N, C-alpha and C. Protein backbone atom coordinates (compact mmCIF):
# COMPACT_ATOMS: atom_id res chain seq x y z
N MET A 1 -33.43 88.32 -31.43
CA MET A 1 -33.80 87.32 -30.46
C MET A 1 -32.85 87.40 -29.27
N ARG A 2 -33.38 87.36 -28.10
CA ARG A 2 -32.52 87.44 -26.93
C ARG A 2 -32.22 86.04 -26.38
N ASN A 3 -31.12 85.93 -25.67
CA ASN A 3 -30.72 84.66 -25.05
C ASN A 3 -31.40 84.54 -23.70
N ILE A 4 -31.78 83.31 -23.34
CA ILE A 4 -32.35 83.03 -22.03
C ILE A 4 -31.62 81.84 -21.43
N THR A 5 -31.63 81.73 -20.13
CA THR A 5 -31.09 80.59 -19.43
C THR A 5 -32.26 79.76 -18.93
N LEU A 6 -32.23 78.48 -19.22
CA LEU A 6 -33.32 77.59 -18.87
C LEU A 6 -32.79 76.46 -18.01
N GLN A 7 -33.38 76.22 -16.87
CA GLN A 7 -32.97 75.08 -16.05
C GLN A 7 -34.15 74.16 -15.88
N ILE A 8 -33.92 72.88 -16.21
CA ILE A 8 -34.96 71.90 -16.05
C ILE A 8 -34.37 70.64 -15.37
N SER A 9 -35.21 69.92 -14.71
CA SER A 9 -34.73 68.69 -14.03
C SER A 9 -34.51 67.60 -15.05
N GLU A 10 -33.82 66.54 -14.62
CA GLU A 10 -33.63 65.37 -15.50
C GLU A 10 -34.97 64.77 -15.91
N GLU A 11 -35.89 64.75 -14.99
CA GLU A 11 -37.25 64.23 -15.29
C GLU A 11 -37.95 65.06 -16.37
N GLU A 12 -37.85 66.37 -16.23
CA GLU A 12 -38.46 67.26 -17.24
C GLU A 12 -37.76 67.10 -18.59
N PHE A 13 -36.46 66.98 -18.56
CA PHE A 13 -35.68 66.77 -19.80
C PHE A 13 -36.13 65.46 -20.48
N SER A 14 -36.31 64.44 -19.71
CA SER A 14 -36.75 63.15 -20.21
C SER A 14 -38.13 63.26 -20.87
N GLU A 15 -38.99 64.04 -20.25
CA GLU A 15 -40.34 64.25 -20.80
C GLU A 15 -40.28 65.07 -22.12
N VAL A 16 -39.37 66.03 -22.20
CA VAL A 16 -39.20 66.77 -23.44
C VAL A 16 -38.71 65.85 -24.56
N ILE A 17 -37.75 65.01 -24.25
CA ILE A 17 -37.27 64.03 -25.25
C ILE A 17 -38.36 63.10 -25.70
N SER A 18 -39.17 62.65 -24.77
CA SER A 18 -40.27 61.75 -25.07
C SER A 18 -41.29 62.48 -25.99
N ALA A 19 -41.58 63.72 -25.68
CA ALA A 19 -42.50 64.51 -26.52
C ALA A 19 -41.94 64.69 -27.90
N TYR A 20 -40.64 64.95 -28.00
CA TYR A 20 -39.96 65.10 -29.30
C TYR A 20 -40.10 63.82 -30.12
N LYS A 21 -39.86 62.70 -29.50
CA LYS A 21 -39.97 61.40 -30.21
C LYS A 21 -41.40 61.16 -30.69
N THR A 22 -42.39 61.52 -29.87
CA THR A 22 -43.78 61.37 -30.22
C THR A 22 -44.10 62.22 -31.44
N LEU A 23 -43.68 63.49 -31.39
CA LEU A 23 -43.91 64.40 -32.55
C LEU A 23 -43.22 63.90 -33.81
N GLN A 24 -42.00 63.41 -33.65
CA GLN A 24 -41.23 62.89 -34.78
C GLN A 24 -41.97 61.73 -35.44
N ALA A 25 -42.45 60.81 -34.64
CA ALA A 25 -43.16 59.64 -35.15
C ALA A 25 -44.42 60.09 -35.87
N PHE A 26 -45.13 61.06 -35.31
CA PHE A 26 -46.36 61.55 -35.92
C PHE A 26 -46.06 62.21 -37.27
N ILE A 27 -45.04 63.06 -37.29
CA ILE A 27 -44.72 63.77 -38.53
C ILE A 27 -44.28 62.79 -39.61
N GLU A 28 -43.53 61.75 -39.24
CA GLU A 28 -43.12 60.76 -40.20
C GLU A 28 -44.31 60.02 -40.83
N LYS A 29 -45.39 59.88 -40.08
CA LYS A 29 -46.59 59.21 -40.59
C LYS A 29 -47.40 60.12 -41.49
N VAL A 30 -47.35 61.42 -41.26
CA VAL A 30 -48.22 62.36 -41.94
C VAL A 30 -47.55 63.01 -43.13
N VAL A 31 -46.25 63.27 -43.03
CA VAL A 31 -45.55 64.01 -44.08
C VAL A 31 -44.53 63.12 -44.79
N SER A 32 -44.60 63.09 -46.08
CA SER A 32 -43.67 62.32 -46.89
C SER A 32 -42.29 62.98 -46.90
N PRO A 33 -41.21 62.20 -46.90
CA PRO A 33 -39.88 62.81 -47.00
C PRO A 33 -39.76 63.64 -48.28
N ASN A 34 -40.51 63.30 -49.32
CA ASN A 34 -40.46 64.06 -50.56
C ASN A 34 -40.95 65.48 -50.39
N GLU A 35 -41.77 65.72 -49.36
CA GLU A 35 -42.29 67.05 -49.10
C GLU A 35 -41.31 67.86 -48.21
N ILE A 36 -40.42 67.19 -47.54
CA ILE A 36 -39.53 67.87 -46.62
C ILE A 36 -38.19 68.17 -47.24
N TYR A 37 -37.64 67.22 -47.97
CA TYR A 37 -36.25 67.32 -48.47
C TYR A 37 -36.21 67.65 -49.95
N GLU A 38 -35.13 68.30 -50.34
CA GLU A 38 -34.89 68.61 -51.74
C GLU A 38 -34.56 67.31 -52.49
N SER A 39 -34.82 67.27 -53.79
CA SER A 39 -34.57 66.06 -54.58
C SER A 39 -33.11 65.65 -54.54
N GLU A 40 -32.22 66.62 -54.52
CA GLU A 40 -30.77 66.32 -54.49
C GLU A 40 -30.42 65.52 -53.22
N PHE A 41 -30.98 65.95 -52.08
CA PHE A 41 -30.76 65.24 -50.80
C PHE A 41 -31.28 63.83 -50.88
N LEU A 42 -32.50 63.66 -51.38
CA LEU A 42 -33.12 62.34 -51.48
C LEU A 42 -32.32 61.43 -52.40
N GLU A 43 -31.79 61.95 -53.50
CA GLU A 43 -30.96 61.13 -54.40
C GLU A 43 -29.72 60.65 -53.65
N GLY A 44 -29.06 61.54 -52.91
CA GLY A 44 -27.91 61.17 -52.12
C GLY A 44 -28.22 60.14 -51.07
N LEU A 45 -29.37 60.27 -50.43
CA LEU A 45 -29.80 59.31 -49.42
C LEU A 45 -30.00 57.94 -50.03
N HIS A 46 -30.70 57.89 -51.17
CA HIS A 46 -30.92 56.60 -51.84
C HIS A 46 -29.60 55.97 -52.30
N GLN A 47 -28.67 56.84 -52.78
CA GLN A 47 -27.36 56.30 -53.22
C GLN A 47 -26.62 55.74 -52.00
N SER A 48 -26.69 56.42 -50.88
CA SER A 48 -26.00 55.93 -49.68
C SER A 48 -26.59 54.63 -49.22
N GLN A 49 -27.92 54.50 -49.25
CA GLN A 49 -28.56 53.27 -48.84
C GLN A 49 -28.15 52.11 -49.77
N THR A 50 -28.08 52.38 -51.05
CA THR A 50 -27.64 51.36 -51.98
C THR A 50 -26.21 50.90 -51.73
N GLU A 51 -25.34 51.88 -51.44
CA GLU A 51 -23.94 51.55 -51.15
C GLU A 51 -23.82 50.72 -49.88
N VAL A 52 -24.66 50.98 -48.88
CA VAL A 52 -24.60 50.21 -47.64
C VAL A 52 -25.09 48.78 -47.93
N VAL A 53 -26.18 48.65 -48.67
CA VAL A 53 -26.71 47.30 -48.98
C VAL A 53 -25.67 46.49 -49.78
N ASN A 54 -24.97 47.15 -50.71
CA ASN A 54 -24.02 46.47 -51.56
C ASN A 54 -22.61 46.44 -50.93
N LYS A 55 -22.52 46.91 -49.70
CA LYS A 55 -21.23 46.97 -48.96
C LYS A 55 -20.15 47.70 -49.75
N GLU A 56 -20.53 48.80 -50.39
CA GLU A 56 -19.61 49.63 -51.18
C GLU A 56 -19.13 50.79 -50.34
N PHE A 57 -18.49 50.47 -49.26
CA PHE A 57 -17.98 51.53 -48.40
C PHE A 57 -16.76 51.06 -47.65
N THR A 58 -16.02 51.99 -47.09
CA THR A 58 -14.85 51.67 -46.29
C THR A 58 -15.13 52.03 -44.86
N GLU A 59 -14.92 51.06 -43.98
CA GLU A 59 -15.18 51.31 -42.54
C GLU A 59 -14.18 52.32 -42.00
N VAL A 60 -14.67 53.31 -41.32
CA VAL A 60 -13.84 54.33 -40.72
C VAL A 60 -13.66 54.04 -39.24
N LYS A 61 -12.42 54.03 -38.79
CA LYS A 61 -12.14 53.70 -37.38
C LYS A 61 -11.62 54.86 -36.58
N SER A 62 -11.44 56.00 -37.24
CA SER A 62 -10.96 57.19 -36.53
C SER A 62 -11.43 58.43 -37.29
N PHE A 63 -11.38 59.58 -36.61
CA PHE A 63 -11.78 60.81 -37.25
C PHE A 63 -10.86 61.14 -38.44
N ALA A 64 -9.57 60.83 -38.27
CA ALA A 64 -8.64 61.08 -39.36
C ALA A 64 -9.01 60.29 -40.61
N GLY A 65 -9.48 59.06 -40.42
CA GLY A 65 -9.93 58.27 -41.54
C GLY A 65 -11.21 58.84 -42.18
N PHE A 66 -12.00 59.50 -41.37
CA PHE A 66 -13.23 60.07 -41.87
C PHE A 66 -12.98 61.27 -42.77
N VAL A 67 -12.02 62.11 -42.43
CA VAL A 67 -11.78 63.35 -43.18
C VAL A 67 -10.93 63.12 -44.40
N ARG A 68 -10.48 61.92 -44.65
CA ARG A 68 -9.67 61.64 -45.86
C ARG A 68 -10.52 61.60 -47.08
């Protein structure tokens, strides 16, 4: 694959982002997360959501705190 340089205006970039969001919303309606992600990822996601709901986490205020 070769590299290319692409220049677009802010307006065109905004349109690309809008199109991306439209496609994302459509795909979320049509395709189940179970079809996209591995079961291990989904289990981790559900565990994380449970921890957030139960406030079982430590707030990180710096990158150093994140990597501990």
